[in-house]
Amino acid sequence: MTSQICIIIAIIAYLGMMIYIGITYSKKNTQAAEFYLGGRRLGPLVTAMSAEASDMSSYLLMGLPGLAYIAGLAEVGWTAIGLAIGTYLNWLLVSKRIRRYSSRIGSFTIPEFFAKRYGDDRHFLTCIAALIIVVFFVPYTASGFAACGKLFSTLFGMNYIAAMLLSAAVIVIYCTLGGFLAVSTTDLIQGITMSIALLIVVGFGAVVTGGFGSVTDAVSSLPGYLSLVQSYSAGTGTAAPYTPLMIASTLAWGLGYFGMPHILLRFMAIEDENKLKLSRRIATVWVVISMAIAVLIGVVGYGLSQAGAIPVLEGSNSETVIIQIASVLSTHGVIPALIAGVILAGILAATMSTADSQLLAAASSISQNLVQDFGKKKLDTKTSLLIARITVIAISLIAVFIAQDPDSSIFGIVSFAWAGFGAAFGPVVLLALFWKRSNRQGALAGMIAGGIMVFVWKYGIAKLGGAFAIYELLPAFVIALLVNVAVSLLTKAPDEKLVRIFEEVNGK
């Protein structure tokens, strides 16, 4: 009972701090640009940590460790490598150009950037981009709410729905009140909290099992568990080859970064583009270290199960391995119980840092891009902010409805939404920034092709098996890129004005 009280105290203190930040920043939002981009005045540290904390959702502390626990290193290892490479390349290639370009053309949402970059006065690009954001962010947000529900129901035997609703309410409160500055500031805090949680868990887990040597001994007898070219099957206890095609498919996770709206918004919001180099270094180092530790937690967790310290976890329950380790830690006294509370607050941090960013991006898509741009409804600042906040609440309610199933896989939901954004937006962003011949028709065709192909491949072609059973992001990204290029070349070249702006932004 004492351990649970200590955990509750730590979590309540954390949630209270998040709401306080939201209330504080609510007084600073005097216009829509402040609510969505914080007036483009983020510092390099906040930019880096906010971008990566909003990226590393609950899959960092639950999805990756769960996958490592149940299947060994191959799939999760190549996924982490792909994400690390994608993180670095996104900061290197995209961040400075999209900051400069978006400032030059006066855009503060991704759909608006597409419309102004391609001179889409009728806002068809805006409309399609906004719809894609809503379609893929709602289930993504739902996965975050589900993670919170699993956390509290596993720890306290709390009703899953009630736990999920409580967590969603806190996220909605500080997001609707504080907007982008609140979200970015809390993301910085959440990134630090996540780091602390990861280090404590892996250290404690190793101590309980008798050191990393004991962990290695526990898993080395499992065929393919520690291999990057074989995948372990917990169901059969055997190993299967992890082929070069599967490796390429898994590495393709890195392509998703080029199309993530909530990450691209951080690039657009930094106060000085020359500080992006420092942000890139901070972000890349944090991502590499945090993912490596997250994977190690899954391996250590398996060792703990073999030692009898935590239960043997099967199926989607493997994603609760970090919760199980925290529960064991909390039984060692008041201070360890408070530390366990910090770990569990880290899970909340991972979930909230992504959910709040997704809600904000979706809100901007509805209130700014669909209502005002595409719908031609001119709203004053007060009304625009009101619609944005109502949108956050409405989307949250839909996400809560979707997240009712406590058995859904967090990693599976995230991977699908990640593929959707990567394929629909990634090629458009890259060509918009690097190819002046790219035009409105190509961007629109590529965006639609990428979004549709994600569904077609996952629910149709992949079921054929064999070489077709690969991560849907890779084929969808390639097809979207090819369609964009082909349609651009087959249709009228961009106007001279758009080409001049492109050359000005790129220093030509």
Protein backbone atom coordinates (compact mmCIF):
# COMPACT_ATOMS: atom_id res chain seq x y z
CA MET A 1 0.00 0.00 0.00
CA THR A 2 2.84 2.39 0.90
CA SER A 3 4.53 1.75 -2.45
CA GLN A 4 1.34 2.54 -4.35
CA ILE A 5 0.85 5.77 -2.40
CA CYS A 6 4.40 6.86 -3.24
CA ILE A 7 3.86 6.05 -6.92
CA ILE A 8 0.60 8.00 -6.95
CA ILE A 9 2.27 11.01 -5.29
CA ALA A 10 5.02 11.08 -7.93
CA ILE A 11 2.57 10.75 -10.82
CA ILE A 12 0.15 13.39 -9.44
CA ALA A 13 3.03 15.81 -8.94
CA TYR A 14 4.10 15.26 -12.54
CA LEU A 15 0.60 15.68 -13.99
CA GLY A 16 0.04 18.79 -11.89
CA MET A 17 3.22 20.34 -13.28
CA MET A 18 2.04 19.70 -16.86
CA ILE A 19 -1.28 21.44 -16.22
CA TYR A 20 0.49 24.37 -14.53
CA ILE A 21 2.65 24.87 -17.63
CA GLY A 22 -0.45 24.87 -19.81
CA ILE A 23 -2.13 27.52 -17.67
CA THR A 24 1.04 29.66 -17.62
CA TYR A 25 1.44 29.66 -21.40
CA SER A 26 -2.27 30.20 -22.05
CA LYS A 27 -1.67 33.85 -21.15
CA LYS A 28 0.92 34.20 -23.92
CA ASN A 29 -1.24 33.03 -26.85
CA THR A 30 -2.61 36.20 -28.39
CA GLN A 31 -2.84 34.98 -31.96
CA ALA A 32 -3.03 31.75 -33.95
CA ALA A 33 0.68 31.83 -34.89
CA GLU A 34 1.53 31.84 -31.20
CA PHE A 35 -0.76 28.87 -30.54
CA TYR A 36 0.62 26.77 -33.43
CA LEU A 37 4.31 27.77 -33.70
CA GLY A 38 5.07 29.72 -30.53
CA GLY A 39 5.96 32.80 -32.59
CA ARG A 40 9.02 30.97 -34.01
CA ARG A 41 11.07 31.55 -30.89
CA LEU A 42 12.13 28.09 -29.66
CA GLY A 43 15.72 27.74 -28.50
CA PRO A 44 17.99 24.94 -29.80
CA LEU A 45 17.66 22.69 -26.72
CA VAL A 46 13.87 22.94 -26.59
CA THR A 47 13.67 22.43 -30.36
CA ALA A 48 15.80 19.28 -30.22
CA MET A 49 14.19 17.68 -27.19
CA SER A 50 10.67 18.70 -28.18
CA ALA A 51 11.07 17.23 -31.67
CA GLU A 52 12.43 13.93 -30.39
CA ALA A 53 10.16 13.61 -27.34
CA SER A 54 7.15 14.22 -29.57
CA ASP A 55 8.58 11.58 -31.92
CA MET A 56 9.39 8.98 -29.26
CA SER A 57 5.87 8.16 -28.17
CA SER A 58 4.85 5.27 -25.94
CA TYR A 59 6.64 2.94 -28.34
CA LEU A 60 9.97 4.06 -26.83
CA LEU A 61 9.16 2.85 -23.31
CA MET A 62 6.58 0.18 -24.16
CA GLY A 63 6.67 -0.77 -27.85
CA LEU A 64 10.44 -1.21 -28.37
CA PRO A 65 11.11 -3.01 -25.06
CA GLY A 66 8.08 -5.25 -25.67
CA LEU A 67 9.25 -6.20 -29.15
CA ALA A 68 12.79 -6.90 -27.90
CA TYR A 69 11.41 -8.98 -25.01
CA ILE A 70 9.34 -11.26 -27.19
CA ALA A 71 11.31 -11.47 -30.47
CA GLY A 72 14.95 -10.67 -29.72
CA LEU A 73 17.19 -8.12 -31.39
CA ALA A 74 16.65 -8.48 -35.14
CA GLU A 75 13.43 -6.58 -35.86
CA VAL A 76 13.73 -4.08 -33.03
CA GLY A 77 17.44 -3.57 -33.69
CA TRP A 78 17.06 -2.74 -37.39
CA THR A 79 14.05 -0.56 -36.54
CA ALA A 80 16.13 1.45 -34.08
CA ILE A 81 19.01 1.76 -36.56
CA GLY A 82 16.63 2.98 -39.25
CA LEU A 83 15.10 5.52 -36.88
CA ALA A 84 18.52 6.80 -35.80
CA ILE A 85 19.64 7.28 -39.42
CA GLY A 86 16.32 8.91 -40.29
CA THR A 87 16.59 11.29 -37.34
CA TYR A 88 20.04 12.49 -38.40
CA LEU A 89 19.16 12.88 -42.08
CA ASN A 90 15.94 14.72 -41.31
CA TRP A 91 17.80 17.28 -39.21
CA LEU A 92 20.63 17.50 -41.75
CA LEU A 93 18.58 17.78 -44.95
CA VAL A 94 15.17 19.14 -44.02
CA SER A 95 15.30 21.24 -40.85
CA LYS A 96 17.13 24.36 -42.10
CA ARG A 97 15.42 24.47 -45.50
CA ILE A 98 11.89 24.09 -44.17
CA ARG A 99 12.56 26.71 -41.46
CA ARG A 100 13.82 29.17 -44.07
CA TYR A 101 11.16 28.31 -46.65
CA SER A 102 8.20 28.43 -44.25
CA SER A 103 9.35 31.78 -42.89
CA ARG A 104 9.82 33.20 -46.40
CA ILE A 105 6.32 32.26 -47.57
CA GLY A 106 4.61 32.89 -44.22
CA SER A 107 3.29 29.42 -43.36
CA PHE A 108 2.90 27.98 -39.89
CA THR A 109 1.24 24.60 -40.55
CA ILE A 110 2.34 21.79 -42.87
CA PRO A 111 -0.75 21.91 -45.14
CA GLU A 112 -0.33 25.68 -45.45
CA PHE A 113 3.33 25.19 -46.35
CA PHE A 114 2.37 22.83 -49.18
CA ALA A 115 -0.26 25.24 -50.51
CA LYS A 116 2.01 28.31 -50.50
CA ARG A 117 5.07 26.42 -51.77
CA TYR A 118 3.13 25.28 -54.85
CA GLY A 119 0.91 28.34 -55.31
CA ASP A 120 -2.27 26.35 -54.66
CA ASP A 121 -4.75 29.23 -54.40
CA ARG A 122 -7.72 26.83 -54.46
CA HIS A 123 -6.25 24.97 -51.46
CA PHE A 124 -6.76 21.43 -52.74
CA LEU A 125 -3.35 20.49 -51.33
CA THR A 126 -4.34 22.07 -48.02
CA CYS A 127 -7.55 20.07 -47.88
CA ILE A 128 -5.98 16.68 -48.72
CA ALA A 129 -3.03 17.25 -46.37
CA ALA A 130 -5.35 18.25 -43.52
CA LEU A 131 -7.52 15.16 -44.06
CA ILE A 132 -4.44 12.90 -44.07
CA ILE A 133 -3.28 14.45 -40.80
CA VAL A 134 -6.63 13.79 -39.15
CA VAL A 135 -6.95 10.24 -40.58
CA PHE A 136 -3.55 9.09 -39.29
CA PHE A 137 -3.32 11.18 -36.11
CA VAL A 138 -6.59 9.99 -34.57
CA PRO A 139 -5.49 6.32 -34.24
CA TYR A 140 -1.96 7.45 -33.34
CA THR A 141 -3.39 9.53 -30.49
CA ALA A 142 -5.63 6.62 -29.53
CA SER A 143 -2.55 4.41 -29.11
CA GLY A 144 -1.19 6.93 -26.61
CA PHE A 145 -4.40 6.97 -24.62
CA ALA A 146 -4.37 3.16 -24.66
CA ALA A 147 -0.83 3.16 -23.24
CA CYS A 148 -1.96 5.32 -20.32
CA GLY A 149 -4.92 3.03 -19.73
CA LYS A 150 -2.66 -0.04 -19.68
CA LEU A 151 -0.30 1.70 -17.27
CA PHE A 152 -2.86 2.48 -14.58
CA SER A 153 -4.91 -0.69 -14.96
CA THR A 154 -1.77 -2.86 -14.68
CA LEU A 155 -0.43 -0.99 -11.66
CA PHE A 156 -3.49 -0.33 -9.57
CA GLY A 157 -6.15 -2.65 -10.96
CA MET A 158 -7.90 0.54 -12.03
CA ASN A 159 -10.66 0.36 -14.60
CA TYR A 160 -9.00 0.64 -18.03
CA ILE A 161 -11.55 3.10 -19.46
CA ALA A 162 -11.43 5.36 -16.39
CA ALA A 163 -7.62 5.42 -16.46
CA MET A 164 -7.57 6.27 -20.15
CA LEU A 165 -10.13 9.07 -19.72
CA LEU A 166 -8.14 10.62 -16.85
CA SER A 167 -4.93 10.68 -18.88
CA ALA A 168 -6.69 12.07 -21.95
CA ALA A 169 -8.24 14.83 -19.86
CA VAL A 170 -4.86 16.05 -18.59
CA ILE A 171 -3.37 16.09 -22.10
CA VAL A 172 -6.37 17.98 -23.48
CA ILE A 173 -6.27 20.57 -20.67
CA TYR A 174 -2.67 21.71 -21.12
CA CYS A 175 -2.79 21.38 -24.91
CA THR A 176 -5.96 23.47 -25.33
CA LEU A 177 -4.77 26.07 -22.84
CA GLY A 178 -1.12 26.51 -23.72
CA GLY A 179 -0.77 25.61 -27.39
CA PHE A 180 2.65 25.16 -29.01
CA LEU A 181 4.81 26.81 -26.34
CA ALA A 182 3.23 24.71 -23.60
CA VAL A 183 3.54 21.55 -25.68
CA SER A 184 7.19 22.24 -26.55
CA THR A 185 8.13 23.11 -22.96
CA THR A 186 6.43 20.04 -21.55
CA ASP A 187 8.11 17.96 -24.26
CA LEU A 188 11.50 19.14 -22.99
CA ILE A 189 10.59 18.08 -19.45
CA GLN A 190 9.11 14.83 -20.71
CA GLY A 191 12.24 14.04 -22.72
CA ILE A 192 14.36 14.42 -19.58
CA THR A 193 11.89 12.31 -17.57
CA MET A 194 11.96 9.58 -20.21
CA SER A 195 15.78 9.53 -20.11
CA ILE A 196 15.84 9.17 -16.32
CA ALA A 197 13.24 6.39 -16.47
CA LEU A 198 15.21 4.44 -19.06
CA LEU A 199 18.48 4.61 -17.12
CA ILE A 200 16.90 3.61 -13.80
CA VAL A 201 15.02 0.65 -15.24
CA VAL A 202 17.92 -0.88 -17.13
CA GLY A 203 20.25 -0.41 -14.15
CA PHE A 204 17.83 -1.89 -11.62
CA GLY A 205 16.91 -4.77 -13.91
CA ALA A 206 20.55 -5.69 -14.40
CA VAL A 207 21.17 -5.64 -10.62
CA VAL A 208 18.18 -7.89 -9.87
CA THR A 209 19.26 -10.47 -12.47
CA GLY A 210 22.83 -10.51 -11.14
CA GLY A 211 24.45 -8.27 -13.75
CA PHE A 212 24.49 -8.06 -17.53
CA GLY A 213 26.44 -11.29 -17.69
CA SER A 214 23.53 -13.13 -16.12
CA VAL A 215 21.14 -11.48 -18.56
CA THR A 216 23.27 -12.64 -21.48
CA ASP A 217 23.37 -16.17 -20.07
CA ALA A 218 19.57 -16.20 -19.74
CA VAL A 219 18.93 -15.28 -23.38
CA SER A 220 21.94 -16.77 -25.18
CA SER A 221 20.34 -20.21 -25.20
CA LEU A 222 17.36 -18.87 -27.19
CA PRO A 223 17.96 -19.45 -30.93
CA GLY A 224 18.42 -16.20 -32.83
CA TYR A 225 17.49 -13.99 -29.85
CA LEU A 226 20.70 -11.95 -29.86
CA SER A 227 21.21 -12.08 -33.63
CA LEU A 228 20.57 -9.32 -36.15
CA VAL A 229 20.17 -11.78 -39.02
CA GLN A 230 17.78 -14.20 -37.28
CA SER A 231 14.46 -13.58 -35.58
CA TYR A 232 13.37 -15.49 -32.47
CA SER A 233 9.82 -16.85 -32.30
CA ALA A 234 8.49 -17.07 -28.75
CA GLY A 235 5.59 -19.24 -29.91
CA THR A 236 7.73 -22.04 -31.36
CA GLY A 237 11.02 -21.39 -29.58
CA THR A 238 12.85 -21.44 -32.92
CA ALA A 239 14.73 -18.94 -35.10
CA ALA A 240 13.91 -17.84 -38.63
CA PRO A 241 16.23 -15.99 -41.07
CA TYR A 242 15.93 -12.19 -41.07
CA THR A 243 16.52 -11.65 -44.79
CA PRO A 244 18.15 -8.64 -46.50
CA LEU A 245 14.71 -7.64 -47.83
CA MET A 246 13.30 -7.70 -44.30
CA ILE A 247 16.25 -5.63 -43.08
CA ALA A 248 15.71 -3.04 -45.85
CA SER A 249 12.01 -2.97 -45.04
CA THR A 250 12.66 -2.40 -41.33
CA LEU A 251 15.31 0.24 -41.98
CA ALA A 252 12.62 2.08 -43.95
CA TRP A 253 11.24 3.29 -40.62
CA GLY A 254 13.77 6.10 -41.07
CA LEU A 255 11.92 7.39 -44.16
CA GLY A 256 8.95 8.24 -41.97
CA TYR A 257 10.74 11.20 -40.41
CA PHE A 258 10.56 13.24 -43.60
CA GLY A 259 6.77 13.33 -43.34
CA MET A 260 6.06 13.71 -39.62
CA PRO A 261 4.04 16.95 -39.19
CA HIS A 262 4.70 17.33 -35.45
CA ILE A 263 8.47 17.04 -36.01
CA LEU A 264 8.53 19.33 -39.05
CA LEU A 265 6.68 21.96 -37.01
CA ARG A 266 9.59 22.03 -34.53
CA PHE A 267 11.98 22.77 -37.38
CA MET A 268 9.74 25.64 -38.49
CA ALA A 269 9.54 27.07 -34.97
CA ILE A 270 13.21 27.52 -33.99
CA GLU A 271 14.18 31.14 -33.35
CA ASP A 272 17.39 31.02 -35.45
CA GLU A 273 18.07 28.57 -38.28
CA ASN A 274 21.79 28.75 -37.53
CA LYS A 275 21.13 27.03 -34.19
CA LEU A 276 19.72 23.94 -35.90
CA LYS A 277 23.19 22.39 -36.09
CA LEU A 278 23.36 22.28 -32.28
CA SER A 279 19.80 20.97 -32.14
CA ARG A 280 20.72 18.21 -34.61
CA ARG A 281 23.59 17.01 -32.43
CA ILE A 282 21.49 17.01 -29.26
CA ALA A 283 18.60 15.22 -30.96
CA THR A 284 20.71 12.53 -32.64
CA VAL A 285 22.69 11.66 -29.50
CA TRP A 286 19.52 11.49 -27.39
CA VAL A 287 17.70 9.27 -29.89
CA VAL A 288 20.58 6.80 -30.27
CA ILE A 289 21.14 6.43 -26.53
CA SER A 290 17.45 6.27 -25.56
CA MET A 291 16.57 3.64 -28.17
CA ALA A 292 19.60 1.51 -27.31
CA ILE A 293 18.58 1.51 -23.64
CA ALA A 294 14.93 0.82 -24.53
CA VAL A 295 15.96 -2.28 -26.48
CA LEU A 296 18.25 -3.37 -23.64
CA ILE A 297 15.32 -3.07 -21.21
CA GLY A 298 13.41 -5.67 -23.23
CA VAL A 299 16.36 -8.07 -23.08
CA VAL A 300 16.89 -7.44 -19.35
CA GLY A 301 13.15 -7.90 -18.82
CA TYR A 302 13.33 -11.37 -20.36
CA GLY A 303 16.18 -12.17 -18.00
CA LEU A 304 14.01 -11.02 -15.07
CA SER A 305 11.20 -13.31 -16.23
CA GLN A 306 13.62 -16.25 -16.38
CA ALA A 307 14.82 -15.40 -12.86
CA GLY A 308 11.21 -15.30 -11.62
CA ALA A 309 11.36 -11.63 -10.64
CA ILE A 310 8.52 -10.66 -13.00
CA PRO A 311 5.87 -12.80 -14.72
CA VAL A 312 6.46 -14.33 -18.16
CA LEU A 313 4.78 -11.92 -20.60
CA GLU A 314 3.04 -13.05 -23.76
CA GLY A 315 1.61 -11.24 -26.79
CA SER A 316 0.84 -7.54 -26.34
CA ASN A 317 1.42 -7.93 -22.58
CA SER A 318 5.15 -7.88 -23.38
CA GLU A 319 4.73 -4.12 -23.84
CA THR A 320 4.16 -3.80 -20.07
CA VAL A 321 7.66 -5.08 -19.22
CA ILE A 322 8.84 -1.68 -17.98
CA ILE A 323 5.74 -1.39 -15.77
CA GLN A 324 6.46 -4.82 -14.29
CA ILE A 325 10.07 -3.82 -13.52
CA ALA A 326 8.90 -0.57 -11.90
CA SER A 327 6.44 -2.56 -9.76
CA VAL A 328 9.27 -4.74 -8.46
CA LEU A 329 11.37 -1.65 -7.72
CA SER A 330 8.54 -0.06 -5.74
CA THR A 331 8.59 -2.92 -3.21
CA HIS A 332 12.07 -1.98 -1.94
CA GLY A 333 11.07 0.98 0.25
CA VAL A 334 9.76 4.54 0.09
CA ILE A 335 12.59 6.05 -1.97
CA PRO A 336 12.57 3.24 -4.56
CA ALA A 337 8.76 3.55 -4.72
CA LEU A 338 9.08 7.28 -5.48
CA ILE A 339 11.69 6.44 -8.11
CA ALA A 340 9.26 3.89 -9.56
CA GLY A 341 6.73 6.72 -9.73
CA VAL A 342 9.23 8.76 -11.77
CA ILE A 343 9.67 5.79 -14.13
CA LEU A 344 5.93 5.49 -14.62
CA ALA A 345 5.70 9.25 -15.08
CA GLY A 346 8.26 8.67 -17.84
CA ILE A 347 5.77 6.40 -19.60
CA LEU A 348 3.17 9.13 -19.26
CA ALA A 349 5.76 11.57 -20.60
CA ALA A 350 6.43 9.41 -23.66
CA THR A 351 2.72 9.15 -24.36
CA MET A 352 1.80 12.75 -23.64
CA SER A 353 4.68 14.30 -25.55
CA THR A 354 3.42 12.70 -28.75
CA ALA A 355 -0.32 12.89 -28.12
CA ASP A 356 -0.23 16.62 -27.38
CA SER A 357 1.79 17.35 -30.52
CA GLN A 358 -0.54 15.26 -32.64
CA LEU A 359 -3.62 16.96 -31.21
CA LEU A 360 -2.12 20.38 -31.91
CA ALA A 361 -1.24 19.48 -35.51
CA ALA A 362 -4.71 18.03 -36.08
CA ALA A 363 -6.33 21.11 -34.54
CA SER A 364 -4.41 23.41 -36.86
CA SER A 365 -5.43 21.25 -39.83
CA ILE A 366 -9.13 21.60 -39.04
CA SER A 367 -9.42 25.17 -37.80
CA GLN A 368 -6.82 26.84 -39.99
CA ASN A 369 -6.49 24.69 -43.11
CA LEU A 370 -9.97 23.25 -43.64
CA VAL A 371 -12.21 25.95 -42.16
CA GLN A 372 -10.28 29.10 -43.09
CA ASP A 373 -8.12 28.17 -46.08
CA PHE A 374 -10.17 25.59 -47.96
CA GLY A 375 -13.58 26.69 -46.64
CA LYS A 376 -12.81 30.39 -47.25
CA LYS A 377 -14.13 31.34 -43.79
CA LYS A 378 -12.30 34.33 -42.40
CA LEU A 379 -12.20 34.19 -38.61
CA ASP A 380 -10.90 36.61 -36.03
CA THR A 381 -8.12 35.47 -33.71
CA LYS A 382 -10.42 34.67 -30.79
CA THR A 383 -12.75 32.52 -32.90
CA SER A 384 -9.85 30.76 -34.60
CA LEU A 385 -8.32 29.77 -31.26
CA LEU A 386 -11.73 28.68 -29.96
CA ILE A 387 -12.25 26.37 -32.97
CA ALA A 388 -8.73 24.97 -32.53
CA ARG A 389 -9.43 24.15 -28.89
CA ILE A 390 -12.81 22.60 -29.67
CA THR A 391 -11.09 20.52 -32.36
CA VAL A 392 -8.58 19.19 -29.83
CA ILE A 393 -11.43 18.06 -27.59
CA ALA A 394 -13.42 16.50 -30.46
CA ILE A 395 -10.45 14.54 -31.80
CA SER A 396 -9.63 13.36 -28.28
CA LEU A 397 -13.15 12.01 -27.86
CA ILE A 398 -12.86 10.05 -31.13
CA ALA A 399 -9.43 8.74 -30.06
CA VAL A 400 -10.83 7.64 -26.70
CA PHE A 401 -13.59 5.73 -28.50
CA ILE A 402 -11.04 3.98 -30.73
CA ALA A 403 -8.80 3.12 -27.75
CA GLN A 404 -11.46 1.13 -25.91
CA ASP A 405 -9.73 -2.20 -26.65
CA PRO A 406 -7.03 -2.78 -24.00
CA ASP A 407 -5.48 -5.66 -26.02
CA SER A 408 -4.42 -3.60 -29.03
CA SER A 409 -0.68 -3.43 -29.82
CA ILE A 410 0.86 0.00 -29.31
CA PHE A 411 3.78 -0.80 -31.65
CA GLY A 412 1.42 -2.03 -34.38
CA ILE A 413 -0.79 1.07 -34.31
CA VAL A 414 2.19 3.42 -34.28
CA SER A 415 3.89 1.62 -37.18
CA PHE A 416 0.82 2.02 -39.40
CA ALA A 417 0.34 5.73 -38.64
CA TRP A 418 4.08 6.29 -39.10
CA ALA A 419 3.89 4.67 -42.54
CA GLY A 420 0.90 6.83 -43.46
CA PHE A 421 2.66 10.10 -42.76
CA GLY A 422 5.98 8.98 -44.17
CA ALA A 423 4.50 7.88 -47.49
CA ALA A 424 1.95 10.67 -47.93
CA PHE A 425 4.10 13.64 -46.85
CA GLY A 426 7.75 12.50 -46.99
CA PRO A 427 8.26 12.58 -50.78
CA VAL A 428 6.31 15.84 -51.07
CA VAL A 429 8.47 17.53 -48.42
CA LEU A 430 11.74 16.36 -50.00
CA LEU A 431 10.78 17.37 -53.53
CA ALA A 432 9.32 20.68 -52.35
CA LEU A 433 12.63 21.56 -50.74
CA PHE A 434 15.09 20.10 -53.26
CA TRP A 435 13.48 20.02 -56.74
CA LYS A 436 12.24 23.25 -58.29
CA ARG A 437 10.50 21.41 -61.16
CA SER A 438 8.13 19.75 -58.68
CA ASN A 439 4.66 21.23 -59.13
CA ARG A 440 1.20 21.32 -57.55
CA GLN A 441 -0.22 18.47 -59.62
CA GLY A 442 2.72 16.18 -58.81
CA ALA A 443 2.55 16.97 -55.10
CA LEU A 444 -1.19 16.30 -54.96
CA ALA A 445 -0.95 13.03 -56.94
CA GLY A 446 2.02 11.82 -54.89
CA MET A 447 0.34 12.66 -51.60
CA ILE A 448 -2.82 10.77 -52.49
CA ALA A 449 -0.89 7.82 -53.94
CA GLY A 450 1.25 7.49 -50.80
CA GLY A 451 -1.69 7.62 -48.41
CA ILE A 452 -3.76 5.10 -50.37
CA MET A 453 -0.86 2.71 -50.99
CA VAL A 454 -0.25 2.34 -47.25
CA PHE A 455 -3.75 0.91 -46.87
CA VAL A 456 -3.54 -1.16 -50.07
CA TRP A 457 -0.19 -2.72 -49.19
CA LYS A 458 -0.92 -3.46 -45.53
CA TYR A 459 -4.42 -4.88 -45.97
CA GLY A 460 -4.05 -6.34 -49.46
CA ILE A 461 -0.68 -6.94 -51.10
CA ALA A 462 1.22 -7.84 -47.89
CA LYS A 463 -1.19 -10.71 -47.28
CA LEU A 464 0.25 -12.47 -50.35
CA GLY A 465 3.27 -13.25 -48.19
CA GLY A 466 6.84 -13.90 -49.27
CA ALA A 467 8.62 -10.87 -50.69
CA PHE A 468 5.40 -8.86 -50.39
CA ALA A 469 5.21 -9.23 -46.60
CA ILE A 470 7.29 -6.13 -45.90
CA TYR A 471 6.67 -2.93 -43.97
CA GLU A 472 4.19 -0.90 -46.00
CA LEU A 473 6.14 2.35 -45.67
CA LEU A 474 8.90 1.27 -48.07
CA PRO A 475 6.78 0.46 -51.17
CA ALA A 476 4.30 3.26 -50.47
CA PHE A 477 7.12 5.84 -50.15
CA VAL A 478 8.77 4.70 -53.39
CA ILE A 479 5.48 4.72 -55.32
CA ALA A 480 4.52 8.15 -53.97
CA LEU A 481 7.92 9.54 -54.98
CA LEU A 482 7.70 8.11 -58.49
CA VAL A 483 4.14 9.36 -58.98
CA ASN A 484 5.11 12.84 -57.80
CA VAL A 485 8.06 13.03 -60.21
CA ALA A 486 6.16 11.53 -63.17
CA VAL A 487 3.10 13.78 -62.83
CA SER A 488 5.28 16.87 -62.31
CA LEU A 489 7.16 16.14 -65.55
CA LEU A 490 3.99 15.42 -67.49
CA THR A 491 2.24 18.63 -66.45
CA LYS A 492 2.97 22.34 -66.68
CA ALA A 493 6.15 23.63 -65.02
CA PRO A 494 5.76 25.83 -61.92
CA ASP A 495 5.22 29.56 -62.35
CA GLU A 496 8.27 31.80 -62.53
CA LYS A 497 7.37 33.40 -59.21
CA LEU A 498 7.46 30.05 -57.41
CA VAL A 499 10.79 29.16 -59.07
CA ARG A 500 12.28 32.52 -57.99
CA ILE A 501 11.24 31.93 -54.39
CA PHE A 502 12.73 28.41 -54.52
CA GLU A 503 16.03 29.75 -55.82
CA GLU A 504 16.04 32.58 -53.26
CA VAL A 505 15.45 30.18 -50.38
CA ASN A 506 18.15 27.80 -51.61
CA GLY A 507 20.64 30.61 -52.17
CA LYS A 508 20.76 30.36 -55.96
